[in-house]
């Protein structure tokens, strides 16, 4: 059974494949039903960045710091 991190990696990899397909097959100055292709690609890149952050956190690669005040 796949771990949480492995599932996130699989989803991220699928998003990367979709991004590569979009970038290689479409011109950026077009729109489909009023939605800019560039906007869709930017949103997909943001999602991939979010997946990368979640993967890093799932692997335990983060540290929480806090500052106390009186």
PDB file of N, CA and C in Angstrom:
ATOM      1  N   UNK A   1       0.846  -1.179   0.000  1.00  0.00           N
ATOM      2  CA  UNK A   1       0.000   0.000   0.000  1.00  0.00           C
ATOM      3  C   UNK A   1       0.892   1.244   0.000  1.00  0.00           C
ATOM      4  N   UNK A   2       0.525   2.194  -0.835  1.00  0.00           N
ATOM      5  CA  UNK A   2       1.322   3.413  -0.979  1.00  0.00           C
ATOM      6  C   UNK A   2       1.178   4.304   0.252  1.00  0.00           C
ATOM      7  N   UNK A   3       2.257   4.979   0.587  1.00  0.00           N
ATOM      8  CA  UNK A   3       2.225   5.913   1.702  1.00  0.00           C
ATOM      9  C   UNK A   3       1.620   7.236   1.246  1.00  0.00           C
ATOM     10  N   UNK A   4       1.347   8.091   2.207  1.00  0.00           N
ATOM     11  CA  UNK A   4       0.815   9.428   1.924  1.00  0.00           C
ATOM     12  C   UNK A   4       1.758  10.184   1.001  1.00  0.00           C
ATOM     13  N   UNK A   5       3.049  10.158   1.294  1.00  0.00           N
ATOM     14  CA  UNK A   5       4.042  10.867   0.479  1.00  0.00           C
ATOM     15  C   UNK A   5       4.097  10.284  -0.933  1.00  0.00           C
ATOM     16  N   UNK A   6       4.025   8.965  -1.058  1.00  0.00           N
ATOM     17  CA  UNK A   6       4.041   8.335  -2.380  1.00  0.00           C
ATOM     18  C   UNK A   6       2.815   8.733  -3.202  1.00  0.00           C
ATOM     19  N   UNK A   7       1.664   8.826  -2.556  1.00  0.00           N
ATOM     20  CA  UNK A   7       0.452   9.269  -3.251  1.00  0.00           C
ATOM     21  C   UNK A   7       0.591  10.713  -3.719  1.00  0.00           C
ATOM     22  N   UNK A   8       1.147  11.575  -2.872  1.00  0.00           N
ATOM     23  CA  UNK A   8       1.363  12.969  -3.265  1.00  0.00           C
ATOM     24  C   UNK A   8       2.326  13.066  -4.447  1.00  0.00           C
ATOM     25  N   UNK A   9       3.362  12.266  -4.433  1.00  0.00           N
ATOM     26  CA  UNK A   9       4.327  12.263  -5.530  1.00  0.00           C
ATOM     27  C   UNK A   9       3.658  11.832  -6.832  1.00  0.00           C
ATOM     28  N   UNK A  10       2.798  10.818  -6.765  1.00  0.00           N
ATOM     29  CA  UNK A  10       2.093  10.347  -7.961  1.00  0.00           C
ATOM     30  C   UNK A  10       1.178  11.429  -8.527  1.00  0.00           C
ATOM     31  N   UNK A  11       0.460  12.128  -7.649  1.00  0.00           N
ATOM     32  CA  UNK A  11      -0.429  13.206  -8.091  1.00  0.00           C
ATOM     33  C   UNK A  11       0.383  14.355  -8.681  1.00  0.00           C
ATOM     34  N   UNK A  12       1.486  14.710  -8.014  1.00  0.00           N
ATOM     35  CA  UNK A  12       2.352  15.776  -8.520  1.00  0.00           C
ATOM     36  C   UNK A  12       2.914  15.417  -9.890  1.00  0.00           C
ATOM     37  N   UNK A  13       3.365  14.179 -10.052  1.00  0.00           N
ATOM     38  CA  UNK A  13       3.932  13.748 -11.323  1.00  0.00           C
ATOM     39  C   UNK A  13       2.894  13.802 -12.448  1.00  0.00           C
ATOM     40  N   UNK A  14       1.644  13.471 -12.131  1.00  0.00           N
ATOM     41  CA  UNK A  14       0.572  13.562 -13.125  1.00  0.00           C
ATOM     42  C   UNK A  14       0.331  15.025 -13.515  1.00  0.00           C
ATOM     43  N   UNK A  15       0.392  15.927 -12.543  1.00  0.00           N
ATOM     44  CA  UNK A  15       0.214  17.353 -12.824  1.00  0.00           C
ATOM     45  C   UNK A  15       1.361  17.873 -13.684  1.00  0.00           C
ATOM     46  N   UNK A  16       2.581  17.408 -13.421  1.00  0.00           N
ATOM     47  CA  UNK A  16       3.733  17.813 -14.227  1.00  0.00           C
ATOM     48  C   UNK A  16       3.562  17.325 -15.668  1.00  0.00           C
ATOM     49  N   UNK A  17       3.104  16.100 -15.841  1.00  0.00           N
ATOM     50  CA  UNK A  17       2.881  15.565 -17.187  1.00  0.00           C
ATOM     51  C   UNK A  17       1.826  16.386 -17.922  1.00  0.00           C
ATOM     52  N   UNK A  18       0.777  16.765 -17.223  1.00  0.00           N
ATOM     53  CA  UNK A  18      -0.270  17.589 -17.832  1.00  0.00           C
ATOM     54  C   UNK A  18       0.285  18.958 -18.227  1.00  0.00           C
ATOM     55  N   UNK A  19       1.097  19.543 -17.357  1.00  0.00           N
ATOM     56  CA  UNK A  19       1.706  20.839 -17.645  1.00  0.00           C
ATOM     57  C   UNK A  19       2.591  20.751 -18.883  1.00  0.00           C
ATOM     58  N   UNK A  20       3.409  19.726 -18.965  1.00  0.00           N
ATOM     59  CA  UNK A  20       4.291  19.569 -20.118  1.00  0.00           C
ATOM     60  C   UNK A  20       3.499  19.396 -21.407  1.00  0.00           C
ATOM     61  N   UNK A  21       2.400  18.657 -21.340  1.00  0.00           N
ATOM     62  CA  UNK A  21       1.562  18.467 -22.523  1.00  0.00           C
ATOM     63  C   UNK A  21       0.927  19.791 -22.950  1.00  0.00           C
ATOM     64  N   UNK A  22       0.452  20.568 -21.983  1.00  0.00           N
ATOM     65  CA  UNK A  22      -0.150  21.858 -22.309  1.00  0.00           C
ATOM     66  C   UNK A  22       0.869  22.815 -22.912  1.00  0.00           C
ATOM     67  N   UNK A  23       2.035  22.881 -22.302  1.00  0.00           N
ATOM     68  CA  UNK A  23       3.054  23.809 -22.777  1.00  0.00           C
ATOM     69  C   UNK A  23       3.551  23.455 -24.176  1.00  0.00           C
ATOM     70  N   UNK A  24       3.600  22.189 -24.495  1.00  0.00           N
ATOM     71  CA  UNK A  24       4.132  21.792 -25.792  1.00  0.00           C
ATOM     72  C   UNK A  24       3.091  21.847 -26.899  1.00  0.00           C
ATOM     73  N   UNK A  25       1.809  21.861 -26.561  1.00  0.00           N
ATOM     74  CA  UNK A  25       0.785  21.761 -27.595  1.00  0.00           C
ATOM     75  C   UNK A  25      -0.028  23.031 -27.814  1.00  0.00           C
ATOM     76  N   UNK A  26       0.102  24.044 -26.972  1.00  0.00           N
ATOM     77  CA  UNK A  26      -0.765  25.212 -27.092  1.00  0.00           C
ATOM     78  C   UNK A  26       0.034  26.494 -27.193  1.00  0.00           C
ATOM     79  N   UNK A  27      -0.547  27.431 -27.885  1.00  0.00           N
ATOM     80  CA  UNK A  27       0.015  28.775 -27.937  1.00  0.00           C
ATOM     81  C   UNK A  27      -0.549  29.552 -26.758  1.00  0.00           C
ATOM     82  N   UNK A  28       0.260  30.403 -26.165  1.00  0.00           N
ATOM     83  CA  UNK A  28      -0.137  31.099 -24.954  1.00  0.00           C
ATOM     84  C   UNK A  28      -1.024  32.312 -25.178  1.00  0.00           C
ATOM     85  N   UNK A  29      -1.210  32.710 -26.438  1.00  0.00           N
ATOM     86  CA  UNK A  29      -2.015  33.903 -26.690  1.00  0.00           C
ATOM     87  C   UNK A  29      -3.464  33.578 -27.035  1.00  0.00           C
ATOM     88  N   UNK A  30      -3.895  32.367 -26.802  1.00  0.00           N
ATOM     89  CA  UNK A  30      -5.266  31.960 -27.097  1.00  0.00           C
ATOM     90  C   UNK A  30      -6.082  31.848 -25.815  1.00  0.00           C
ATOM     91  N   UNK A  31      -7.394  31.838 -25.994  1.00  0.00           N
ATOM     92  CA  UNK A  31      -8.271  31.568 -24.862  1.00  0.00           C
ATOM     93  C   UNK A  31      -9.333  30.570 -25.299  1.00  0.00           C
ATOM     94  N   UNK A  32      -9.793  29.793 -24.354  1.00  0.00           N
ATOM     95  CA  UNK A  32     -10.840  28.805 -24.613  1.00  0.00           C
ATOM     96  C   UNK A  32     -12.004  29.142 -23.711  1.00  0.00           C
ATOM     97  N   UNK A  33     -13.155  29.411 -24.309  1.00  0.00           N
ATOM     98  CA  UNK A  33     -14.360  29.801 -23.562  1.00  0.00           C
ATOM     99  C   UNK A  33     -14.069  30.945 -22.599  1.00  0.00           C
ATOM    100  N   UNK A  34     -13.257  31.890 -23.041  1.00  0.00           N
ATOM    101  CA  UNK A  34     -12.963  33.064 -22.227  1.00  0.00           C
ATOM    102  C   UNK A  34     -11.886  32.863 -21.182  1.00  0.00           C
ATOM    103  N   UNK A  35     -11.364  31.635 -21.039  1.00  0.00           N
ATOM    104  CA  UNK A  35     -10.311  31.379 -20.047  1.00  0.00           C
ATOM    105  C   UNK A  35      -8.959  31.382 -20.740  1.00  0.00           C
ATOM    106  N   UNK A  36      -8.070  32.183 -20.224  1.00  0.00           N
ATOM    107  CA  UNK A  36      -6.737  32.291 -20.799  1.00  0.00           C
ATOM    108  C   UNK A  36      -5.950  31.010 -20.578  1.00  0.00           C
ATOM    109  N   UNK A  37      -5.285  30.554 -21.605  1.00  0.00           N
ATOM    110  CA  UNK A  37      -4.439  29.366 -21.475  1.00  0.00           C
ATOM    111  C   UNK A  37      -3.300  29.643 -20.494  1.00  0.00           C
ATOM    112  N   UNK A  38      -2.724  30.841 -20.556  1.00  0.00           N
ATOM    113  CA  UNK A  38      -1.632  31.191 -19.651  1.00  0.00           C
ATOM    114  C   UNK A  38      -2.078  31.099 -18.202  1.00  0.00           C
ATOM    115  N   UNK A  39      -3.298  31.563 -17.910  1.00  0.00           N
ATOM    116  CA  UNK A  39      -3.811  31.479 -16.543  1.00  0.00           C
ATOM    117  C   UNK A  39      -3.896  30.029 -16.097  1.00  0.00           C
ATOM    118  N   UNK A  40      -4.381  29.165 -16.948  1.00  0.00           N
ATOM    119  CA  UNK A  40      -4.500  27.744 -16.607  1.00  0.00           C
ATOM    120  C   UNK A  40      -3.149  27.113 -16.330  1.00  0.00           C
ATOM    121  N   UNK A  41      -2.160  27.495 -17.115  1.00  0.00           N
ATOM    122  CA  UNK A  41      -0.813  26.955 -16.918  1.00  0.00           C
ATOM    123  C   UNK A  41      -0.209  27.496 -15.627  1.00  0.00           C
ATOM    124  N   UNK A  42      -0.415  28.788 -15.354  1.00  0.00           N
ATOM    125  CA  UNK A  42       0.093  29.359 -14.102  1.00  0.00           C
ATOM    126  C   UNK A  42      -0.549  28.690 -12.891  1.00  0.00           C
ATOM    127  N   UNK A  43      -1.851  28.416 -12.970  1.00  0.00           N
ATOM    128  CA  UNK A  43      -2.544  27.752 -11.868  1.00  0.00           C
ATOM    129  C   UNK A  43      -1.997  26.335 -11.670  1.00  0.00           C
ATOM    130  N   UNK A  44      -1.712  25.649 -12.763  1.00  0.00           N
ATOM    131  CA  UNK A  44      -1.160  24.295 -12.669  1.00  0.00           C
ATOM    132  C   UNK A  44       0.234  24.319 -12.060  1.00  0.00           C
ATOM    133  N   UNK A  45       1.046  25.310 -12.442  1.00  0.00           N
ATOM    134  CA  UNK A  45       2.379  25.442 -11.831  1.00  0.00           C
ATOM    135  C   UNK A  45       2.279  25.685 -10.328  1.00  0.00           C
ATOM    136  N   UNK A  46       1.319  26.501  -9.919  1.00  0.00           N
ATOM    137  CA  UNK A  46       1.102  26.781  -8.490  1.00  0.00           C
ATOM    138  C   UNK A  46       0.719  25.499  -7.760  1.00  0.00           C
ATOM    139  N   UNK A  47      -0.158  24.693  -8.388  1.00  0.00           N
ATOM    140  CA  UNK A  47      -0.558  23.432  -7.765  1.00  0.00           C
ATOM    141  C   UNK A  47       0.640  22.498  -7.600  1.00  0.00           C
ATOM    142  N   UNK A  48       1.511  22.453  -8.589  1.00  0.00           N
ATOM    143  CA  UNK A  48       2.703  21.610  -8.503  1.00  0.00           C
ATOM    144  C   UNK A  48       3.602  22.086  -7.363  1.00  0.00           C
ATOM    145  N   UNK A  49       3.768  23.395  -7.224  1.00  0.00           N
ATOM    146  CA  UNK A  49       4.545  23.934  -6.094  1.00  0.00           C
ATOM    147  C   UNK A  49       3.911  23.536  -4.757  1.00  0.00           C
ATOM    148  N   UNK A  50       2.581  23.601  -4.690  1.00  0.00           N
ATOM    149  CA  UNK A  50       1.884  23.194  -3.463  1.00  0.00           C
ATOM    150  C   UNK A  50       2.127  21.720  -3.156  1.00  0.00           C
ATOM    151  N   UNK A  51       2.069  20.861  -4.192  1.00  0.00           N
ATOM    152  CA  UNK A  51       2.337  19.437  -3.989  1.00  0.00           C
ATOM    153  C   UNK A  51       3.761  19.227  -3.491  1.00  0.00           C
ATOM    154  N   UNK A  52       4.722  19.961  -4.050  1.00  0.00           N
ATOM    155  CA  UNK A  52       6.115  19.829  -3.605  1.00  0.00           C
ATOM    156  C   UNK A  52       6.255  20.190  -2.130  1.00  0.00           C
ATOM    157  N   UNK A  53       5.561  21.232  -1.691  1.00  0.00           N
ATOM    158  CA  UNK A  53       5.597  21.609  -0.276  1.00  0.00           C
ATOM    159  C   UNK A  53       4.964  20.526   0.595  1.00  0.00           C
ATOM    160  N   UNK A  54       3.837  19.965   0.158  1.00  0.00           N
ATOM    161  CA  UNK A  54       3.175  18.907   0.937  1.00  0.00           C
ATOM    162  C   UNK A  54       4.050  17.666   1.012  1.00  0.00           C
ATOM    163  N   UNK A  55       4.750  17.350  -0.093  1.00  0.00           N
ATOM    164  CA  UNK A  55       5.641  16.188  -0.104  1.00  0.00           C
ATOM    165  C   UNK A  55       6.786  16.405   0.886  1.00  0.00           C
ATOM    166  N   UNK A  56       7.355  17.585   0.897  1.00  0.00           N
ATOM    167  CA  UNK A  56       8.440  17.883   1.840  1.00  0.00           C
ATOM    168  C   UNK A  56       7.955  17.760   3.278  1.00  0.00           C
ATOM    169  N   UNK A  57       6.741  18.239   3.550  1.00  0.00           N
ATOM    170  CA  UNK A  57       6.200  18.143   4.909  1.00  0.00           C
ATOM    171  C   UNK A  57       5.880  16.699   5.275  1.00  0.00           C
ATOM    172  N   UNK A  58       5.403  15.913   4.331  1.00  0.00           N
ATOM    173  CA  UNK A  58       5.073  14.514   4.608  1.00  0.00           C
ATOM    174  C   UNK A  58       6.323  13.696   4.906  1.00  0.00           C
ATOM    175  N   UNK A  59       7.427  14.091   4.300  1.00  0.00           N
ATOM    176  CA  UNK A  59       8.698  13.400   4.545  1.00  0.00           C
ATOM    177  C   UNK A  59       9.360  13.844   5.835  1.00  0.00           C
ATOM    178  N   UNK A  60       8.754  14.800   6.526  1.00  0.00           N
ATOM    179  CA  UNK A  60       9.319  15.275   7.774  1.00  0.00           C
ATOM    180  C   UNK A  60      10.405  16.314   7.583  1.00  0.00           C
ATOM    181  N   UNK A  61      10.483  16.873   6.397  1.00  0.00           N
ATOM    182  CA  UNK A  61      11.526  17.837   6.103  1.00  0.00           C
ATOM    183  C   UNK A  61      11.146  19.266   6.440  1.00  0.00           C
ATOM    184  N   UNK A  62      10.624  19.474   7.642  1.00  0.00           N
ATOM    185  CA  UNK A  62      10.291  20.838   8.037  1.00  0.00           C
ATOM    186  C   UNK A  62      10.506  21.001   9.525  1.00  0.00           C
ATOM    187  N   UNK A  63      10.597  22.236   9.940  1.00  0.00           N
ATOM    188  CA  UNK A  63      10.836  22.548  11.345  1.00  0.00           C
ATOM    189  C   UNK A  63       9.900  23.683  11.741  1.00  0.00           C
ATOM    190  N   UNK A  64       9.306  23.563  12.917  1.00  0.00           N
ATOM    191  CA  UNK A  64       8.411  24.611  13.411  1.00  0.00           C
ATOM    192  C   UNK A  64       9.152  25.404  14.461  1.00  0.00           C
ATOM    193  N   UNK A  65       9.182  26.730  14.292  1.00  0.00           N
ATOM    194  CA  UNK A  65       9.821  27.609  15.264  1.00  0.00           C
ATOM    195  C   UNK A  65       8.780  28.564  15.807  1.00  0.00           C
ATOM    196  N   UNK A  66       8.916  28.888  17.063  1.00  0.00           N
ATOM    197  CA  UNK A  66       8.010  29.879  17.644  1.00  0.00           C
ATOM    198  C   UNK A  66       8.823  30.792  18.557  1.00  0.00           C
ATOM    199  N   UNK A  67       8.317  31.995  18.707  1.00  0.00           N
ATOM    200  CA  UNK A  67       8.972  32.985  19.555  1.00  0.00           C
ATOM    201  C   UNK A  67       7.985  33.366  20.638  1.00  0.00           C
ATOM    202  N   UNK A  68       8.391  33.243  21.866  1.00  0.00           N
ATOM    203  CA  UNK A  68       7.525  33.630  22.988  1.00  0.00           C
ATOM    204  C   UNK A  68       7.761  35.060  23.398  1.00  0.00           C
ATOM    205  N   UNK A  69       6.707  35.716  23.804  1.00  0.00           N
ATOM    206  CA  UNK A  69       6.820  37.109  24.315  1.00  0.00           C
ATOM    207  C   UNK A  69       6.165  37.181  25.663  1.00  0.00           C
ATOM    208  N   UNK A  70       6.562  38.156  26.427  1.00  0.00           N
ATOM    209  CA  UNK A  70       5.946  38.351  27.736  1.00  0.00           C
ATOM    210  C   UNK A  70       5.279  39.698  27.819  1.00  0.00           C
TER     211      UNK A  70
END
